[in-house]
Structure formats: C-alpha cells, structure tokens
Full PDB file with SEQRES, HELIX, SHEET, SSBOND, CRYST1, ORIGX, SCALE, CONECT and MASTER records, all heavy atoms in Angstrom:
SEQRES   1 A   41  ILE ASP ARG VAL VAL ALA ALA PHE GLY ASP ALA ALA ALA          
SEQRES   2 A   41  ARG VAL ALA LYS ALA GLY PHE GLU MET ILE GLU ILE HIS          
SEQRES   3 A   41  GLY ALA HIS GLY TYR LEU ILE SER THR PHE MET SER PRO          
SEQRES   4 A   41  LEU ALA                                                      
HELIX    1 AA1 ASP A    2  ALA A   18  1                                  17    
HELIX    2 AA2 LEU A   32  MET A   37  1                                   6    
CRYST1    1.000    1.000    1.000  90.00  90.00  90.00 P 1           1          
ORIGX1      1.000000  0.000000  0.000000        0.00000                         
ORIGX2      0.000000  1.000000  0.000000        0.00000                         
ORIGX3      0.000000  0.000000  1.000000        0.00000                         
SCALE1      1.000000  0.000000  0.000000        0.00000                         
SCALE2      0.000000  1.000000  0.000000        0.00000                         
SCALE3      0.000000  0.000000  1.000000        0.00000                         
ATOM      1  N   ILE A   1       8.988  -9.045  -0.837  1.00  0.00           N  
ATOM      2  CA  ILE A   1       8.707  -7.809  -0.092  1.00  0.00           C  
ATOM      3  C   ILE A   1       9.218  -6.584  -0.879  1.00  0.00           C  
ATOM      4  O   ILE A   1       8.506  -5.582  -1.004  1.00  0.00           O  
ATOM      5  CB  ILE A   1       9.311  -7.880   1.325  1.00  0.00           C  
ATOM      6  CG1 ILE A   1       8.582  -8.953   2.156  1.00  0.00           C  
ATOM      7  CG2 ILE A   1       9.238  -6.514   2.040  1.00  0.00           C  
ATOM      8  CD1 ILE A   1       9.256  -9.257   3.470  1.00  0.00           C  
ATOM      9  N   ASP A   2      10.431  -6.686  -1.377  1.00  0.00           N  
ATOM     10  CA  ASP A   2      10.991  -5.599  -2.190  1.00  0.00           C  
ATOM     11  C   ASP A   2      10.093  -5.268  -3.398  1.00  0.00           C  
ATOM     12  O   ASP A   2       9.869  -4.088  -3.727  1.00  0.00           O  
ATOM     13  CB  ASP A   2      12.391  -5.951  -2.672  1.00  0.00           C  
ATOM     14  CG  ASP A   2      13.441  -5.950  -1.559  1.00  0.00           C  
ATOM     15  OD1 ASP A   2      13.160  -5.439  -0.473  1.00  0.00           O  
ATOM     16  OD2 ASP A   2      14.537  -6.502  -1.822  1.00  0.00           O  
ATOM     17  N   ARG A   3       9.555  -6.326  -4.027  1.00  0.00           N  
ATOM     18  CA  ARG A   3       8.707  -6.130  -5.199  1.00  0.00           C  
ATOM     19  C   ARG A   3       7.432  -5.348  -4.808  1.00  0.00           C  
ATOM     20  O   ARG A   3       7.024  -4.432  -5.524  1.00  0.00           O  
ATOM     21  CB  ARG A   3       8.334  -7.461  -5.828  1.00  0.00           C  
ATOM     22  CG  ARG A   3       7.526  -7.385  -7.115  1.00  0.00           C  
ATOM     23  CD  ARG A   3       6.882  -8.710  -7.476  1.00  0.00           C  
ATOM     24  NE  ARG A   3       5.754  -9.047  -6.674  1.00  0.00           N  
ATOM     25  CZ  ARG A   3       5.730 -10.056  -5.774  1.00  0.00           C  
ATOM     26  NH1 ARG A   3       6.750 -10.853  -5.649  1.00  0.00           N  
ATOM     27  NH2 ARG A   3       4.657 -10.258  -5.073  1.00  0.00           N  
ATOM     28  N   VAL A   4       6.838  -5.754  -3.718  1.00  0.00           N  
ATOM     29  CA  VAL A   4       5.594  -5.114  -3.308  1.00  0.00           C  
ATOM     30  C   VAL A   4       5.830  -3.658  -2.889  1.00  0.00           C  
ATOM     31  O   VAL A   4       5.045  -2.753  -3.206  1.00  0.00           O  
ATOM     32  CB  VAL A   4       4.925  -5.928  -2.186  1.00  0.00           C  
ATOM     33  CG1 VAL A   4       3.810  -5.090  -1.494  1.00  0.00           C  
ATOM     34  CG2 VAL A   4       4.380  -7.193  -2.727  1.00  0.00           C  
ATOM     35  N   VAL A   5       6.921  -3.408  -2.194  1.00  0.00           N  
ATOM     36  CA  VAL A   5       7.244  -2.036  -1.809  1.00  0.00           C  
ATOM     37  C   VAL A   5       7.407  -1.161  -3.054  1.00  0.00           C  
ATOM     38  O   VAL A   5       6.851  -0.051  -3.132  1.00  0.00           O  
ATOM     39  CB  VAL A   5       8.534  -1.984  -0.938  1.00  0.00           C  
ATOM     40  CG1 VAL A   5       9.030  -0.534  -0.752  1.00  0.00           C  
ATOM     41  CG2 VAL A   5       8.259  -2.616   0.435  1.00  0.00           C  
ATOM     42  N   ALA A   6       8.127  -1.669  -4.046  1.00  0.00           N  
ATOM     43  CA  ALA A   6       8.339  -0.933  -5.267  1.00  0.00           C  
ATOM     44  C   ALA A   6       6.982  -0.725  -5.978  1.00  0.00           C  
ATOM     45  O   ALA A   6       6.745   0.349  -6.601  1.00  0.00           O  
ATOM     46  CB  ALA A   6       9.302  -1.652  -6.216  1.00  0.00           C  
ATOM     47  N   ALA A   7       6.098  -1.715  -5.932  1.00  0.00           N  
ATOM     48  CA  ALA A   7       4.757  -1.598  -6.561  1.00  0.00           C  
ATOM     49  C   ALA A   7       3.970  -0.495  -5.930  1.00  0.00           C  
ATOM     50  O   ALA A   7       3.253   0.247  -6.610  1.00  0.00           O  
ATOM     51  CB  ALA A   7       4.007  -2.906  -6.462  1.00  0.00           C  
ATOM     52  N   PHE A   8       4.062  -0.304  -4.615  1.00  0.00           N  
ATOM     53  CA  PHE A   8       3.354   0.800  -3.953  1.00  0.00           C  
ATOM     54  C   PHE A   8       3.896   2.122  -4.448  1.00  0.00           C  
ATOM     55  O   PHE A   8       3.127   3.062  -4.709  1.00  0.00           O  
ATOM     56  CB  PHE A   8       3.491   0.704  -2.428  1.00  0.00           C  
ATOM     57  CG  PHE A   8       2.401  -0.054  -1.755  1.00  0.00           C  
ATOM     58  CD1 PHE A   8       2.576  -1.423  -1.443  1.00  0.00           C  
ATOM     59  CD2 PHE A   8       1.214   0.553  -1.383  1.00  0.00           C  
ATOM     60  CE1 PHE A   8       1.575  -2.140  -0.800  1.00  0.00           C  
ATOM     61  CE2 PHE A   8       0.218  -0.148  -0.737  1.00  0.00           C  
ATOM     62  CZ  PHE A   8       0.368  -1.486  -0.426  1.00  0.00           C  
ATOM     63  N   GLY A   9       5.236   2.199  -4.573  1.00  0.00           N  
ATOM     64  CA  GLY A   9       5.803   3.447  -5.066  1.00  0.00           C  
ATOM     65  C   GLY A   9       5.394   3.770  -6.481  1.00  0.00           C  
ATOM     66  O   GLY A   9       5.050   4.931  -6.803  1.00  0.00           O  
ATOM     67  N   ASP A  10       5.377   2.769  -7.343  1.00  0.00           N  
ATOM     68  CA  ASP A  10       4.975   2.965  -8.736  1.00  0.00           C  
ATOM     69  C   ASP A  10       3.488   3.354  -8.826  1.00  0.00           C  
ATOM     70  O   ASP A  10       3.124   4.210  -9.641  1.00  0.00           O  
ATOM     71  CB  ASP A  10       5.244   1.697  -9.567  1.00  0.00           C  
ATOM     72  CG  ASP A  10       6.697   1.382  -9.755  1.00  0.00           C  
ATOM     73  OD1 ASP A  10       7.537   2.289  -9.518  1.00  0.00           O  
ATOM     74  OD2 ASP A  10       7.031   0.222 -10.084  1.00  0.00           O  
ATOM     75  N   ALA A  11       2.668   2.690  -8.041  1.00  0.00           N  
ATOM     76  CA  ALA A  11       1.221   3.022  -8.022  1.00  0.00           C  
ATOM     77  C   ALA A  11       0.990   4.460  -7.539  1.00  0.00           C  
ATOM     78  O   ALA A  11       0.113   5.164  -8.069  1.00  0.00           O  
ATOM     79  CB  ALA A  11       0.462   2.049  -7.161  1.00  0.00           C  
ATOM     80  N   ALA A  12       1.779   4.887  -6.552  1.00  0.00           N  
ATOM     81  CA  ALA A  12       1.667   6.271  -6.064  1.00  0.00           C  
ATOM     82  C   ALA A  12       1.959   7.279  -7.170  1.00  0.00           C  
ATOM     83  O   ALA A  12       1.276   8.283  -7.298  1.00  0.00           O  
ATOM     84  CB  ALA A  12       2.613   6.492  -4.874  1.00  0.00           C  
ATOM     85  N   ALA A  13       2.956   6.988  -7.987  1.00  0.00           N  
ATOM     86  CA  ALA A  13       3.271   7.873  -9.114  1.00  0.00           C  
ATOM     87  C   ALA A  13       2.117   7.923 -10.094  1.00  0.00           C  
ATOM     88  O   ALA A  13       1.820   9.020 -10.595  1.00  0.00           O  
ATOM     89  CB  ALA A  13       4.563   7.416  -9.804  1.00  0.00           C  
ATOM     90  N   ARG A  14       1.469   6.794 -10.320  1.00  0.00           N  
ATOM     91  CA  ARG A  14       0.317   6.790 -11.275  1.00  0.00           C  
ATOM     92  C   ARG A  14      -0.860   7.575 -10.752  1.00  0.00           C  
ATOM     93  O   ARG A  14      -1.479   8.302 -11.520  1.00  0.00           O  
ATOM     94  CB  ARG A  14      -0.066   5.320 -11.568  1.00  0.00           C  
ATOM     95  CG  ARG A  14       1.027   4.540 -12.320  1.00  0.00           C  
ATOM     96  CD  ARG A  14       0.546   3.175 -12.758  1.00  0.00           C  
ATOM     97  NE  ARG A  14       1.685   2.484 -13.412  1.00  0.00           N  
ATOM     98  CZ  ARG A  14       2.447   1.561 -12.849  1.00  0.00           C  
ATOM     99  NH1 ARG A  14       2.170   1.163 -11.583  1.00  0.00           N  
ATOM    100  NH2 ARG A  14       3.421   1.001 -13.502  1.00  0.00           N  
ATOM    101  N   VAL A  15      -1.200   7.389  -9.456  1.00  0.00           N  
ATOM    102  CA  VAL A  15      -2.369   8.121  -8.958  1.00  0.00           C  
ATOM    103  C   VAL A  15      -2.070   9.608  -8.817  1.00  0.00           C  
ATOM    104  O   VAL A  15      -2.952  10.459  -8.857  1.00  0.00           O  
ATOM    105  CB  VAL A  15      -2.924   7.504  -7.649  1.00  0.00           C  
ATOM    106  CG1 VAL A  15      -3.333   6.063  -7.872  1.00  0.00           C  
ATOM    107  CG2 VAL A  15      -1.967   7.648  -6.481  1.00  0.00           C  
ATOM    108  N   ALA A  16      -0.778   9.960  -8.654  1.00  0.00           N  
ATOM    109  CA  ALA A  16      -0.384  11.373  -8.676  1.00  0.00           C  
ATOM    110  C   ALA A  16      -0.665  11.969 -10.060  1.00  0.00           C  
ATOM    111  O   ALA A  16      -1.228  13.038 -10.215  1.00  0.00           O  
ATOM    112  CB  ALA A  16       1.085  11.522  -8.304  1.00  0.00           C  
ATOM    113  N   LYS A  17      -0.310  11.209 -11.098  1.00  0.00           N  
ATOM    114  CA  LYS A  17      -0.575  11.663 -12.469  1.00  0.00           C  
ATOM    115  C   LYS A  17      -2.092  11.767 -12.734  1.00  0.00           C  
ATOM    116  O   LYS A  17      -2.540  12.634 -13.506  1.00  0.00           O  
ATOM    117  CB  LYS A  17       0.049  10.677 -13.491  1.00  0.00           C  
ATOM    118  CG  LYS A  17       1.535  10.750 -13.580  1.00  0.00           C  
ATOM    119  CD  LYS A  17       2.060   9.808 -14.640  1.00  0.00           C  
ATOM    120  CE  LYS A  17       3.578   9.837 -14.713  1.00  0.00           C  
ATOM    121  NZ  LYS A  17       4.109   8.862 -15.692  1.00  0.00           N  
ATOM    122  N   ALA A  18      -2.861  10.900 -12.072  1.00  0.00           N  
ATOM    123  CA  ALA A  18      -4.321  10.942 -12.241  1.00  0.00           C  
ATOM    124  C   ALA A  18      -4.971  12.120 -11.533  1.00  0.00           C  
ATOM    125  O   ALA A  18      -6.171  12.377 -11.744  1.00  0.00           O  
ATOM    126  CB  ALA A  18      -4.910   9.637 -11.760  1.00  0.00           C  
ATOM    127  N   GLY A  19      -4.246  12.797 -10.654  1.00  0.00           N  
ATOM    128  CA  GLY A  19      -4.774  13.971  -9.994  1.00  0.00           C  
ATOM    129  C   GLY A  19      -5.305  13.803  -8.598  1.00  0.00           C  
ATOM    130  O   GLY A  19      -5.949  14.717  -8.055  1.00  0.00           O  
ATOM    131  N   PHE A  20      -5.015  12.642  -7.962  1.00  0.00           N  
ATOM    132  CA  PHE A  20      -5.468  12.457  -6.599  1.00  0.00           C  
ATOM    133  C   PHE A  20      -4.628  13.350  -5.648  1.00  0.00           C  
ATOM    134  O   PHE A  20      -3.428  13.540  -5.842  1.00  0.00           O  
ATOM    135  CB  PHE A  20      -5.425  11.005  -6.195  1.00  0.00           C  
ATOM    136  CG  PHE A  20      -6.567  10.217  -6.820  1.00  0.00           C  
ATOM    137  CD1 PHE A  20      -6.373   9.510  -7.990  1.00  0.00           C  
ATOM    138  CD2 PHE A  20      -7.780  10.200  -6.206  1.00  0.00           C  
ATOM    139  CE1 PHE A  20      -7.435   8.799  -8.560  1.00  0.00           C  
ATOM    140  CE2 PHE A  20      -8.858   9.477  -6.759  1.00  0.00           C  
ATOM    141  CZ  PHE A  20      -8.651   8.800  -7.937  1.00  0.00           C  
ATOM    142  N   GLU A  21      -5.313  13.820  -4.610  1.00  0.00           N  
ATOM    143  CA  GLU A  21      -4.696  14.753  -3.657  1.00  0.00           C  
ATOM    144  C   GLU A  21      -4.261  14.090  -2.356  1.00  0.00           C  
ATOM    145  O   GLU A  21      -3.492  14.691  -1.594  1.00  0.00           O  
ATOM    146  CB  GLU A  21      -5.696  15.882  -3.337  1.00  0.00           C  
ATOM    147  CG  GLU A  21      -6.151  16.616  -4.601  1.00  0.00           C  
ATOM    148  CD  GLU A  21      -7.427  17.402  -4.395  1.00  0.00           C  
ATOM    149  OE1 GLU A  21      -8.513  16.809  -4.287  1.00  0.00           O  
ATOM    150  OE2 GLU A  21      -7.339  18.654  -4.297  1.00  0.00           O  
ATOM    151  N   MET A  22      -4.726  12.923  -2.110  1.00  0.00           N  
ATOM    152  CA  MET A  22      -4.387  12.153  -0.901  1.00  0.00           C  
ATOM    153  C   MET A  22      -4.309  10.682  -1.258  1.00  0.00           C  
ATOM    154  O   MET A  22      -5.118  10.195  -2.047  1.00  0.00           O  
ATOM    155  CB  MET A  22      -5.406  12.415   0.224  1.00  0.00           C  
ATOM    156  CG  MET A  22      -5.146  11.585   1.512  1.00  0.00           C  
ATOM    157  SD  MET A  22      -6.488  11.715   2.745  1.00  0.00           S  
ATOM    158  CE  MET A  22      -6.269  13.366   3.357  1.00  0.00           C  
ATOM    159  N   ILE A  23      -3.365   9.995  -0.647  1.00  0.00           N  
ATOM    160  CA  ILE A  23      -3.307   8.546  -0.775  1.00  0.00           C  
ATOM    161  C   ILE A  23      -3.558   7.946   0.604  1.00  0.00           C  
ATOM    162  O   ILE A  23      -2.977   8.406   1.624  1.00  0.00           O  
ATOM    163  CB  ILE A  23      -1.933   8.033  -1.287  1.00  0.00           C  
ATOM    164  CG1 ILE A  23      -1.801   8.332  -2.786  1.00  0.00           C  
ATOM    165  CG2 ILE A  23      -1.737   6.554  -1.015  1.00  0.00           C  
ATOM    166  CD1 ILE A  23      -0.399   8.008  -3.336  1.00  0.00           C  
ATOM    167  N   GLU A  24      -4.461   6.988   0.692  1.00  0.00           N  
ATOM    168  CA  GLU A  24      -4.608   6.185   1.896  1.00  0.00           C  
ATOM    169  C   GLU A  24      -3.935   4.857   1.678  1.00  0.00           C  
ATOM    170  O   GLU A  24      -4.261   4.126   0.733  1.00  0.00           O  
ATOM    171  CB  GLU A  24      -6.085   5.981   2.237  1.00  0.00           C  
ATOM    172  CG  GLU A  24      -6.267   5.080   3.468  1.00  0.00           C  
ATOM    173  CD  GLU A  24      -7.701   4.954   3.963  1.00  0.00           C  
ATOM    174  OE1 GLU A  24      -8.154   5.884   4.646  1.00  0.00           O  
ATOM    175  OE2 GLU A  24      -8.321   3.955   3.692  1.00  0.00           O  
ATOM    176  N   ILE A  25      -3.008   4.505   2.542  1.00  0.00           N  
ATOM    177  CA  ILE A  25      -2.353   3.199   2.496  1.00  0.00           C  
ATOM    178  C   ILE A  25      -3.181   2.206   3.317  1.00  0.00           C  
ATOM    179  O   ILE A  25      -3.494   2.497   4.487  1.00  0.00           O  
ATOM    180  CB  ILE A  25      -0.912   3.277   3.058  1.00  0.00           C  
ATOM    181  CG1 ILE A  25      -0.070   4.208   2.147  1.00  0.00           C  
ATOM    182  CG2 ILE A  25      -0.267   1.906   3.184  1.00  0.00           C  
ATOM    183  CD1 ILE A  25       1.275   4.581   2.791  1.00  0.00           C  
ATOM    184  N   HIS A  26      -3.559   1.100   2.676  1.00  0.00           N  
ATOM    185  CA  HIS A  26      -4.436   0.149   3.363  1.00  0.00           C  
ATOM    186  C   HIS A  26      -3.640  -0.760   4.249  1.00  0.00           C  
ATOM    187  O   HIS A  26      -2.991  -1.690   3.845  1.00  0.00           O  
ATOM    188  CB  HIS A  26      -5.185  -0.674   2.269  1.00  0.00           C  
ATOM    189  CG  HIS A  26      -6.441  -1.369   2.797  1.00  0.00           C  
ATOM    190  ND1 HIS A  26      -6.755  -1.401   4.115  1.00  0.00           N  
ATOM    191  CD2 HIS A  26      -7.414  -1.997   2.118  1.00  0.00           C  
ATOM    192  CE1 HIS A  26      -7.901  -2.050   4.279  1.00  0.00           C  
ATOM    193  NE2 HIS A  26      -8.317  -2.418   3.066  1.00  0.00           N  
ATOM    194  N   GLY A  27      -3.737  -0.462   5.548  1.00  0.00           N  
ATOM    195  CA  GLY A  27      -3.074  -1.314   6.545  1.00  0.00           C  
ATOM    196  C   GLY A  27      -4.077  -1.963   7.490  1.00  0.00           C  
ATOM    197  O   GLY A  27      -3.736  -2.203   8.659  1.00  0.00           O  
ATOM    198  N   ALA A  28      -5.241  -2.294   6.975  1.00  0.00           N  
ATOM    199  CA  ALA A  28      -6.316  -2.828   7.821  1.00  0.00           C  
ATOM    200  C   ALA A  28      -6.953  -4.076   7.225  1.00  0.00           C  
ATOM    201  O   ALA A  28      -6.604  -4.530   6.116  1.00  0.00           O  
ATOM    202  CB  ALA A  28      -7.407  -1.746   7.995  1.00  0.00           C  
ATOM    203  N   HIS A  29      -7.863  -4.669   7.994  1.00  0.00           N  
ATOM    204  CA  HIS A  29      -8.817  -5.660   7.529  1.00  0.00           C  
ATOM    205  C   HIS A  29      -8.242  -6.985   7.043  1.00  0.00           C  
ATOM    206  O   HIS A  29      -8.861  -7.707   6.250  1.00  0.00           O  
ATOM    207  CB  HIS A  29      -9.759  -5.071   6.478  1.00  0.00           C  
ATOM    208  CG  HIS A  29     -10.487  -3.874   6.962  1.00  0.00           C  
ATOM    209  ND1 HIS A  29     -11.078  -2.926   6.150  1.00  0.00           N  
ATOM    210  CD2 HIS A  29     -10.762  -3.434   8.258  1.00  0.00           C  
ATOM    211  CE1 HIS A  29     -11.625  -2.003   6.853  1.00  0.00           C  
ATOM    212  NE2 HIS A  29     -11.450  -2.255   8.118  1.00  0.00           N  
ATOM    213  N   GLY A  30      -7.034  -7.323   7.497  1.00  0.00           N  
ATOM    214  CA  GLY A  30      -6.472  -8.615   7.172  1.00  0.00           C  
ATOM    215  C   GLY A  30      -5.857  -8.678   5.797  1.00  0.00           C  
ATOM    216  O   GLY A  30      -5.524  -9.768   5.322  1.00  0.00           O  
ATOM    217  N   TYR A  31      -5.658  -7.530   5.136  1.00  0.00           N  
ATOM    218  CA  TYR A  31      -4.914  -7.518   3.863  1.00  0.00           C  
ATOM    219  C   TYR A  31      -3.432  -7.447   4.199  1.00  0.00           C  
ATOM    220  O   TYR A  31      -3.012  -7.549   5.344  1.00  0.00           O  
ATOM    221  CB  TYR A  31      -5.431  -6.401   2.957  1.00  0.00           C  
ATOM    222  CG  TYR A  31      -6.888  -6.583   2.707  1.00  0.00           C  
ATOM    223  CD1 TYR A  31      -7.878  -5.673   3.141  1.00  0.00           C  
ATOM    224  CD2 TYR A  31      -7.375  -7.706   2.017  1.00  0.00           C  
ATOM    225  CE1 TYR A  31      -9.219  -5.859   2.918  1.00  0.00           C  
ATOM    226  CE2 TYR A  31      -8.743  -7.931   1.800  1.00  0.00           C  
ATOM    227  CZ  TYR A  31      -9.648  -7.007   2.221  1.00  0.00           C  
ATOM    228  OH  TYR A  31     -11.021  -7.206   1.998  1.00  0.00           O  
ATOM    229  N   LEU A  32      -2.572  -7.320   3.175  1.00  0.00           N  
ATOM    230  CA  LEU A  32      -1.148  -7.657   3.333  1.00  0.00           C  
ATOM    231  C   LEU A  32      -0.467  -6.892   4.502  1.00  0.00           C  
ATOM    232  O   LEU A  32       0.112  -7.509   5.366  1.00  0.00           O  
ATOM    233  CB  LEU A  32      -0.408  -7.396   2.056  1.00  0.00           C  
ATOM    234  CG  LEU A  32       1.050  -7.860   2.094  1.00  0.00           C  
ATOM    235  CD1 LEU A  32       1.149  -9.370   2.233  1.00  0.00           C  
ATOM    236  CD2 LEU A  32       1.834  -7.390   0.879  1.00  0.00           C  
ATOM    237  N   ILE A  33      -0.548  -5.563   4.454  1.00  0.00           N  
ATOM    238  CA  ILE A  33       0.175  -4.826   5.503  1.00  0.00           C  
ATOM    239  C   ILE A  33      -0.388  -5.135   6.875  1.00  0.00           C  
ATOM    240  O   ILE A  33       0.314  -5.285   7.851  1.00  0.00           O  
ATOM    241  CB  ILE A  33       0.088  -3.307   5.219  1.00  0.00           C  
ATOM    242  CG1 ILE A  33       0.890  -2.968   3.965  1.00  0.00           C  
ATOM    243  CG2 ILE A  33       0.607  -2.473   6.387  1.00  0.00           C  
ATOM    244  CD1 ILE A  33       0.748  -1.529   3.466  1.00  0.00           C  
ATOM    245  N   SER A  34      -1.706  -5.290   6.953  1.00  0.00           N  
ATOM    246  CA  SER A  34      -2.399  -5.666   8.208  1.00  0.00           C  
ATOM    247  C   SER A  34      -1.887  -6.980   8.756  1.00  0.00           C  
ATOM    248  O   SER A  34      -1.716  -7.143   9.943  1.00  0.00           O  
ATOM    249  CB  SER A  34      -3.901  -5.683   7.985  1.00  0.00           C  
ATOM    250  OG  SER A  34      -4.597  -6.140   9.114  1.00  0.00           O  
ATOM    251  N   THR A  35      -1.650  -7.973   7.867  1.00  0.00           N  
ATOM    252  CA  THR A  35      -1.192  -9.266   8.352  1.00  0.00           C  
ATOM    253  C   THR A  35       0.263  -9.188   8.818  1.00  0.00           C  
ATOM    254  O   THR A  35       0.629  -9.914   9.765  1.00  0.00           O  
ATOM    255  CB  THR A  35      -1.338 -10.355   7.266  1.00  0.00           C  
ATOM    256  OG1 THR A  35      -0.712  -9.929   6.040  1.00  0.00           O  
ATOM    257  CG2 THR A  35      -2.784 -10.656   7.006  1.00  0.00           C  
ATOM    258  N   PHE A  36       1.059  -8.309   8.246  1.00  0.00           N  
ATOM    259  CA  PHE A  36       2.393  -8.110   8.775  1.00  0.00           C  
ATOM    260  C   PHE A  36       2.331  -7.496  10.176  1.00  0.00           C  
ATOM    261  O   PHE A  36       3.161  -7.842  11.067  1.00  0.00           O  
ATOM    262  CB  PHE A  36       3.220  -7.194   7.878  1.00  0.00           C  
ATOM    263  CG  PHE A  36       4.049  -7.964   6.827  1.00  0.00           C  
ATOM    264  CD1 PHE A  36       3.423  -8.327   5.625  1.00  0.00           C  
ATOM    265  CD2 PHE A  36       5.343  -8.288   7.060  1.00  0.00           C  
ATOM    266  CE1 PHE A  36       4.145  -9.032   4.678  1.00  0.00           C  
ATOM    267  CE2 PHE A  36       6.098  -8.966   6.103  1.00  0.00           C  
ATOM    268  CZ  PHE A  36       5.497  -9.357   4.906  1.00  0.00           C  
ATOM    269  N   MET A  37       1.331  -6.696  10.422  1.00  0.00           N  
ATOM    270  CA  MET A  37       1.232  -6.019  11.706  1.00  0.00           C  
ATOM    271  C   MET A  37       0.644  -6.903  12.809  1.00  0.00           C  
ATOM    272  O   MET A  37       0.884  -6.662  13.989  1.00  0.00           O  
ATOM    273  CB  MET A  37       0.396  -4.734  11.574  1.00  0.00           C  
ATOM    274  CG  MET A  37       1.024  -3.689  10.691  1.00  0.00           C  
ATOM    275  SD  MET A  37      -0.048  -2.230  10.378  1.00  0.00           S  
ATOM    276  CE  MET A  37       0.075  -1.404  11.988  1.00  0.00           C  
ATOM    277  N   SER A  38      -0.087  -7.949  12.448  1.00  0.00           N  
ATOM    278  CA  SER A  38      -0.760  -8.778  13.446  1.00  0.00           C  
ATOM    279  C   SER A  38       0.015 -10.030  13.825  1.00  0.00           C  
ATOM    280  O   SER A  38       0.414 -10.785  12.937  1.00  0.00           O  
ATOM    281  CB  SER A  38      -2.139  -9.183  12.937  1.00  0.00           C  
ATOM    282  OG  SER A  38      -2.731 -10.100  13.859  1.00  0.00           O  
ATOM    283  N   PRO A  39       0.189 -10.298  15.099  1.00  0.00           N  
ATOM    284  CA  PRO A  39       0.861 -11.527  15.505  1.00  0.00           C  
ATOM    285  C   PRO A  39       0.082 -12.791  15.178  1.00  0.00           C  
ATOM    286  O   PRO A  39       0.595 -13.889  15.192  1.00  0.00           O  
ATOM    287  CB  PRO A  39       1.062 -11.361  16.990  1.00  0.00           C  
ATOM    288  CG  PRO A  39      -0.045 -10.432  17.422  1.00  0.00           C  
ATOM    289  CD  PRO A  39      -0.214  -9.485  16.258  1.00  0.00           C  
ATOM    290  N   LEU A  40      -1.219 -12.643  14.864  1.00  0.00           N  
ATOM    291  CA  LEU A  40      -2.002 -13.803  14.512  1.00  0.00           C  
ATOM    292  C   LEU A  40      -1.608 -14.341  13.128  1.00  0.00           C  
ATOM    293  O   LEU A  40      -1.749 -15.541  12.854  1.00  0.00           O  
ATOM    294  CB  LEU A  40      -3.493 -13.441  14.504  1.00  0.00           C  
ATOM    295  CG  LEU A  40      -4.105 -12.995  15.832  1.00  0.00           C  
ATOM    296  CD1 LEU A  40      -5.576 -12.593  15.602  1.00  0.00           C  
ATOM    297  CD2 LEU A  40      -3.975 -14.063  16.881  1.00  0.00           C  
ATOM    298  N   ALA A  41      -1.158 -13.482  12.235  1.00  0.00           N  
ATOM    299  CA  ALA A  41      -0.836 -13.874  10.900  1.00  0.00           C  
ATOM    300  C   ALA A  41       0.665 -13.807  10.604  1.00  0.00           C  
ATOM    301  O   ALA A  41       1.130 -14.430   9.663  1.00  0.00           O  
ATOM    302  CB  ALA A  41      -1.538 -12.929   9.898  1.00  0.00           C  
TER     303      ALA A  41                                                      
MASTER        0    0    0    2    0    0    0    6  302    1    0    4          
END                                                                             
C-alpha cells in the first residue's frame, strides 16, 4: 500500500511537469481504489 501511494505521488509530479492542469484519481470501475472502497472486494 505504501508503495502504491508513493507511486501516485511520483506520477503526479511527472504529469505536472508534462503540463496537465487537472488530475483525475481513478476510484471507479473495479480498479484498485474502487476495490478498497467496495465491501464486495
């Protein structure tokens, strides 16, 4: 979990350098954050 959290932070720094103005964090559709949020997974 610590590794993945750090990876999100590092990726955010890279897309900031690339010039993106907004980041959407994917917490849907059965991917990792979504599965943490759902009692089914």
